[in-house]
Each structure stands twice: as structure tokens, then as C-alpha cells.
Amino acid sequence: MLLDHFDYEKLLVPLNRFYDLHTGGARRPIFHDIAATRPELLELDRSFPVIREELLAVLPERASIPRYHELDAMQTYISGTVDKDRDWKVYPLNLMGVKPAGFADRCPRTVALLDRIPGLFEAFFSILEGGKSIPAHEGPYRGYLRYHLGLVVPHENPPSIRLKDQVYTWKEGESILFDDSWNHEVYNTCAQDRVILIVDIRRPMPQPFDMVNRAAQAVMKPIYGGQIARKLAAMKPPGLPEATPATTGEEAGASR
């Protein structure tokens, strides 16, 4: 796969510098108000029981769900080097408008909710095994903001995430929206798995920044979303339905 043979994150550096003319660079905020930034995300909060129900239906087959670095080799450091005996798995729902067959179709109500969110970059269930921590790193792209919704969070010694100089502890049914490009890491010493819904949305920006961001997203769709969907199809994980060609956001009327 093309993604496994070049450092695509370096290509994003000039774009980040351009966006910083608007974001404020080192002065940019860590957290963002969901209602003011992308109020459609609050429907996910309200639909927590539905999303959690679909998640719980697929969790018994977690052995078939890929680890993050198995889909994107660039994530090997954060996914596969710390606590190697524990897994960080991702269950993809939407990748730049591509809905991976065998995954998205098993969570139809969650995918339908995601289809109504303008500027969707990607969405997936993030399954962090008990005792698996994530080392400090920075998201590669300023063009999106990241939403977390706690779905399964251990009540005893729950894991937390440090974002720059602030720490947030996940809670079931609660959400946050933040700038993933700040340095962050996950502390996790609990015994049970932590599962959240992660949704990346296009960062709201004025022109010409938004125009450039939309164009970048269009380029990323076949390079990132399409290739990972093909990698998922090639894996043909046991316990999941036989793969069929992935659908695109445009085909499903989800392009925003």
C-alpha cells in the first residue's frame, strides 16, 4: 500500500503553517465548544444509547478488529511500541467519505447519525485494551478538530488524556472537542477496556483557509480513506461479513 511507503505527514506541514495564520499557531485553543463549533455533534451525545448498543454488538469479535498500525503504518510508534502486549484497535465507520464494507454496515444507525454531520473527515470506534497507554505525540493536521464520546469507560481508575498542559478523564456519555494537533498522550493503568467514538470534523475557518482545507480533504480521500478501505477488504477478518466494495459519501448522499 502507498501509505506504507512514504511519510505523508511531512506533506501536511506547509498546510499547517498556512492554517496557523488563522488559528493563531502557538496561541490556538486546546478545547472547542461543541455547540458553537459544530452543534450537529451534540446529536451523537443524545444518541449515546443507540451508538453504545451497536458498539456492544461488535465488541465480542474484537479479535477480528485491526490494530491501528495494521491499517496505517505511520501510527506504529503510538500504537505498537508502548505496552506491546496490549492492543489499540480501531473499528472504522467512515474514512474521508469511504464507508468500509463489513464494518460500517454493521452499525447502520451510528453511520446514519454520522452522515448528518457537516465536514466529516473520519469516524471510528477506538478500543484501548486495559493497561495500554499511548505515548506523547501530535496529530499531523491542523485542518480538523477531534470529537470524543465515551462509550465504555471503566469506573475504577479510568484512563485519561493529557492535551498540552490539561488532563481530561473520559466518562460514559460525555464528549469533548479538541485540537488533536497539540501534543497529547493517554495514561491508562485500568484493568478493563476503554472504548470511545472518535469523530474528526473539518475545522471551521474563513476563506481562503476553508477552500484549501476542502481541496486537501478531497485529495486525502483516495490516498488515505480509499487505500485503508482496500487494506481492510484484503484482510477479510474472520467473523465479519464477506467484504463488498466500499461505498463513498457521495454515493450515500453524505458529502457535505
Protein backbone atom coordinates (compact mmCIF):
# COMPACT_ATOMS: atom_id res chain seq x y z
CA MET A 1 0.00 0.00 0.00
CA LEU A 2 1.17 3.51 -0.88
CA LEU A 3 0.57 4.72 2.68
CA ASP A 4 3.15 2.27 3.99
CA HIS A 5 5.97 3.63 1.84
CA PHE A 6 6.09 7.39 2.37
CA ASP A 7 5.76 9.86 5.22
CA TYR A 8 2.55 11.65 4.25
CA GLU A 9 2.64 13.70 7.46
CA LYS A 10 5.55 15.77 6.14
CA LEU A 11 3.38 16.91 3.25
CA LEU A 12 0.96 18.47 5.73
CA VAL A 13 3.50 20.78 7.38
CA PRO A 14 3.13 23.65 4.85
CA LEU A 15 -0.65 23.44 5.13
CA ASN A 16 -0.46 23.64 8.92
CA ARG A 17 1.69 26.76 8.70
CA PHE A 18 -0.82 28.31 6.34
CA TYR A 19 -3.75 27.48 8.63
CA ASP A 20 -1.89 28.97 11.59
CA LEU A 21 -2.35 32.38 10.03
CA HIS A 22 -5.96 31.87 11.16
CA THR A 23 -5.67 29.52 14.15
CA GLY A 24 -3.05 31.60 15.92
CA GLY A 25 -0.38 28.90 15.91
CA ALA A 26 1.03 28.51 19.41
CA ARG A 27 -1.86 30.62 20.74
CA ARG A 28 -4.57 28.38 19.30
CA PRO A 29 -7.04 26.93 21.85
CA ILE A 30 -6.90 23.33 23.03
CA PHE A 31 -10.61 22.74 23.58
CA HIS A 32 -13.54 23.98 21.50
CA ASP A 33 -17.16 24.49 22.46
CA ILE A 34 -19.19 21.87 20.61
CA ALA A 35 -22.41 23.87 20.46
CA ALA A 36 -20.63 26.89 19.00
CA THR A 37 -18.32 24.95 16.65
CA ARG A 38 -20.33 22.03 15.25
CA PRO A 39 -23.68 21.69 17.08
CA GLU A 40 -24.62 18.67 14.95
CA LEU A 41 -22.17 16.65 17.04
CA LEU A 42 -24.47 17.04 20.03
CA GLU A 43 -26.90 14.66 18.34
CA LEU A 44 -24.26 11.98 18.91
CA ASP A 45 -24.33 12.81 22.62
CA ARG A 46 -28.10 12.49 22.64
CA SER A 47 -27.86 9.20 20.73
CA PHE A 48 -25.36 7.68 23.15
CA PRO A 49 -27.60 4.64 23.96
CA VAL A 50 -28.02 3.79 20.25
CA ILE A 51 -24.31 4.12 19.46
CA ARG A 52 -23.30 2.14 22.52
CA GLU A 53 -25.76 -0.63 21.65
CA GLU A 54 -24.26 -1.06 18.17
CA LEU A 55 -20.75 -0.97 19.61
CA LEU A 56 -21.53 -3.68 22.16
CA ALA A 57 -22.85 -5.89 19.35
CA VAL A 58 -19.46 -5.91 17.57
CA LEU A 59 -17.12 -5.93 20.58
CA PRO A 60 -17.32 -9.72 21.06
CA GLU A 61 -15.45 -10.01 17.75
CA ARG A 62 -12.64 -7.70 18.83
CA ALA A 63 -10.08 -10.34 17.82
CA SER A 64 -11.07 -9.58 14.21
CA ILE A 65 -10.79 -5.80 14.62
CA PRO A 66 -7.43 -4.44 13.33
CA ARG A 67 -4.87 -2.65 15.42
CA TYR A 68 -4.30 0.96 14.41
CA HIS A 69 -0.82 0.42 12.96
CA GLU A 70 -2.04 -2.52 10.89
CA LEU A 71 -4.12 -0.06 8.89
CA ASP A 72 -1.71 2.87 8.90
CA ALA A 73 1.99 2.07 9.29
CA MET A 74 2.68 5.72 10.21
CA GLN A 75 0.92 5.04 13.52
CA THR A 76 3.29 2.22 14.57
CA TYR A 77 5.03 4.38 17.16
CA ILE A 78 1.88 5.41 19.00
CA SER A 79 0.05 2.10 18.51
CA GLY A 80 2.68 -0.61 18.59
CA THR A 81 5.71 0.42 20.66
CA VAL A 82 4.36 1.05 24.19
CA ASP A 83 2.79 -1.85 26.11
CA LYS A 84 3.31 -4.14 23.11
CA ASP A 85 1.42 -6.96 24.77
CA ARG A 86 -1.75 -4.83 24.76
CA ASP A 87 -3.73 -3.57 21.77
CA TRP A 88 -5.14 -0.30 20.50
CA LYS A 89 -7.74 -1.29 17.95
CA VAL A 90 -9.87 0.79 15.62
CA TYR A 91 -13.25 -0.07 14.16
CA PRO A 92 -13.65 2.24 11.13
CA LEU A 93 -17.04 3.71 10.28
CA ASN A 94 -16.20 6.48 7.80
CA LEU A 95 -12.82 7.28 6.22
CA MET A 96 -12.90 10.53 4.24
CA GLY A 97 -16.34 9.57 2.94
CA VAL A 98 -15.46 5.92 2.38
CA LYS A 99 -17.53 3.52 4.48
CA PRO A 100 -15.63 0.24 4.83
CA ALA A 101 -17.83 -2.72 4.00
CA GLY A 102 -18.13 -5.31 6.72
CA PHE A 103 -17.68 -2.60 9.34
CA ALA A 104 -19.92 0.39 8.63
CA ASP A 105 -22.84 -1.78 7.57
CA ARG A 106 -22.88 -3.46 10.97
CA CYS A 107 -23.55 -0.14 12.71
CA PRO A 108 -26.22 1.40 10.43
CA ARG A 109 -27.79 3.75 12.97
CA THR A 110 -24.42 5.15 14.03
CA VAL A 111 -23.38 5.63 10.40
CA ALA A 112 -26.69 7.37 9.66
CA LEU A 113 -26.02 9.79 12.51
CA LEU A 114 -22.52 10.46 11.18
CA ASP A 115 -23.93 11.13 7.71
CA ARG A 116 -25.71 14.18 9.11
CA ILE A 117 -22.55 15.85 10.39
CA PRO A 118 -21.19 18.53 8.02
CA GLY A 119 -17.50 18.42 7.21
CA LEU A 120 -16.91 14.86 8.40
CA PHE A 121 -13.29 13.74 7.97
CA GLU A 122 -13.40 10.32 9.58
CA ALA A 123 -15.06 8.38 12.38
CA PHE A 124 -14.19 5.18 14.21
CA PHE A 125 -14.55 3.32 17.47
CA SER A 126 -11.27 3.48 19.39
CA ILE A 127 -10.78 0.36 21.55
CA LEU A 128 -7.97 0.66 24.07
CA GLU A 129 -7.20 -2.54 25.93
CA GLY A 130 -6.82 -2.35 29.69
CA GLY A 131 -3.25 -1.37 30.59
CA LYS A 132 -2.48 0.01 27.13
CA SER A 133 -1.18 3.58 27.16
CA ILE A 134 -0.44 5.86 24.20
CA PRO A 135 2.85 7.81 24.13
CA ALA A 136 3.09 11.56 23.63
CA HIS A 137 2.56 12.65 20.04
CA GLU A 138 0.87 15.31 17.92
CA GLY A 139 -1.86 14.92 15.33
CA PRO A 140 -0.41 15.64 11.87
CA TYR A 141 -3.02 18.04 10.52
CA ARG A 142 -4.49 21.34 11.74
CA GLY A 143 -7.36 21.06 9.26
CA TYR A 144 -9.57 19.01 11.56
CA LEU A 145 -10.85 19.05 15.14
CA ARG A 146 -11.39 15.83 17.08
CA TYR A 147 -14.52 14.81 18.99
CA HIS A 148 -14.53 12.07 21.65
CA LEU A 149 -17.65 10.43 23.07
CA GLY A 150 -17.13 8.00 25.97
CA LEU A 151 -18.93 4.72 25.26
CA VAL A 152 -17.34 2.16 27.59
CA VAL A 153 -15.22 3.66 30.38
CA PRO A 154 -14.08 1.70 33.44
CA HIS A 155 -15.47 3.19 36.64
CA GLU A 156 -12.40 2.21 38.66
CA ASN A 157 -9.20 4.03 37.76
CA PRO A 158 -10.49 5.30 34.37
CA PRO A 159 -7.89 6.30 31.77
CA SER A 160 -7.21 9.94 30.99
CA ILE A 161 -5.70 12.01 28.21
CA ARG A 162 -3.25 14.89 28.57
CA LEU A 163 -3.76 17.61 25.98
CA LYS A 164 -0.88 20.09 26.07
CA ASP A 165 -0.98 21.04 29.76
CA GLN A 166 -4.53 19.92 30.60
CA VAL A 167 -5.84 16.50 31.56
CA TYR A 168 -9.27 15.07 30.74
CA THR A 169 -10.71 11.83 32.14
CA TRP A 170 -13.27 10.09 29.97
CA LYS A 171 -16.79 9.46 31.23
CA GLU A 172 -19.52 7.42 29.59
CA GLY A 173 -21.98 9.57 27.67
CA GLU A 174 -19.81 12.69 27.86
CA SER A 175 -17.97 14.34 24.97
CA ILE A 176 -15.19 16.80 24.23
CA LEU A 177 -13.96 18.60 21.10
CA PHE A 178 -10.29 19.49 20.89
CA ASP A 179 -7.35 20.34 18.63
CA ASP A 180 -5.64 16.99 18.03
CA SER A 181 -2.51 18.71 16.70
CA TRP A 182 -1.46 19.68 20.23
CA ASN A 183 0.94 17.31 21.96
CA HIS A 184 -1.05 14.68 23.84
CA GLU A 185 -0.80 11.24 25.44
CA VAL A 186 -3.05 8.71 27.13
CA TYR A 187 -2.47 7.41 30.65
CA ASN A 188 -4.07 4.02 31.20
CA THR A 189 -3.45 1.59 34.05
CA CYS A 190 -7.01 0.31 34.41
CA ALA A 191 -7.83 -3.37 34.00
CA GLN A 192 -10.77 -3.06 31.60
CA ASP A 193 -11.04 -1.82 28.02
CA ARG A 194 -11.89 1.80 27.24
CA VAL A 195 -13.94 2.45 24.11
CA ILE A 196 -14.80 5.85 22.65
CA LEU A 197 -16.26 7.15 19.42
CA ILE A 198 -13.78 9.40 17.62
CA VAL A 199 -15.07 11.82 15.00
CA ASP A 200 -12.83 14.21 13.09
CA ILE A 201 -14.53 17.23 11.52
CA ARG A 202 -13.22 19.82 9.12
CA ARG A 203 -12.06 22.79 11.20
CA PRO A 204 -14.41 25.74 10.62
CA MET A 205 -12.32 28.52 9.04
CA PRO A 206 -12.98 31.54 6.84
CA GLN A 207 -11.83 31.81 3.24
CA PRO A 208 -9.36 31.16 1.75
CA PHE A 209 -8.42 28.66 4.51
CA ASP A 210 -11.64 26.67 4.19
CA MET A 211 -11.27 26.38 0.42
CA VAL A 212 -7.74 24.99 0.80
CA ASN A 213 -8.88 22.61 3.54
CA ARG A 214 -11.73 21.25 1.40
CA ALA A 215 -9.33 20.71 -1.50
CA ALA A 216 -6.88 18.90 0.79
CA GLN A 217 -9.67 16.68 2.09
CA ALA A 218 -10.66 15.79 -1.48
CA VAL A 219 -7.06 14.76 -2.23
CA MET A 220 -6.79 12.75 1.00
CA LYS A 221 -9.94 10.76 0.28
CA PRO A 222 -8.47 8.35 -2.31
CA ILE A 223 -4.96 8.41 -0.81
CA TYR A 224 -5.99 7.74 2.78
CA GLY A 225 -9.60 6.63 3.01
CA GLY A 226 -9.65 4.56 -0.17
CA GLN A 227 -6.39 2.75 0.49
CA ILE A 228 -7.27 1.85 4.07
CA ALA A 229 -10.66 0.57 2.91
CA ARG A 230 -8.89 -1.66 0.38
CA LYS A 231 -6.50 -2.87 3.07
CA LEU A 232 -9.48 -3.75 5.28
CA ALA A 233 -11.10 -5.65 2.42
CA ALA A 234 -7.89 -7.60 1.80
CA MET A 235 -7.70 -8.63 5.45
CA LYS A 236 -11.09 -10.41 5.28
CA PRO A 237 -11.19 -10.71 9.05
CA PRO A 238 -12.89 -13.82 10.43
CA GLY A 239 -16.30 -13.34 11.95
CA LEU A 240 -17.15 -10.36 9.74
CA PRO A 241 -19.36 -10.48 6.63
CA GLU A 242 -17.63 -11.09 3.30
CA ALA A 243 -16.26 -7.79 2.03
CA THR A 244 -18.01 -5.93 -0.77
CA PRO A 245 -16.88 -2.73 -2.49
CA ALA A 246 -16.89 0.20 -0.09
CA THR A 247 -19.41 2.96 -0.65
CA THR A 248 -18.48 6.61 -0.78
CA GLY A 249 -20.07 9.51 0.97
CA GLU A 250 -21.25 10.89 -2.35
CA GLU A 251 -22.94 7.61 -3.26
CA ALA A 252 -24.72 7.61 0.07
CA GLY A 253 -25.63 11.27 -0.20
CA ALA A 254 -23.38 12.09 2.75
CA SER A 255 -20.95 14.54 1.19
CA ARG A 256 -21.17 17.86 2.94
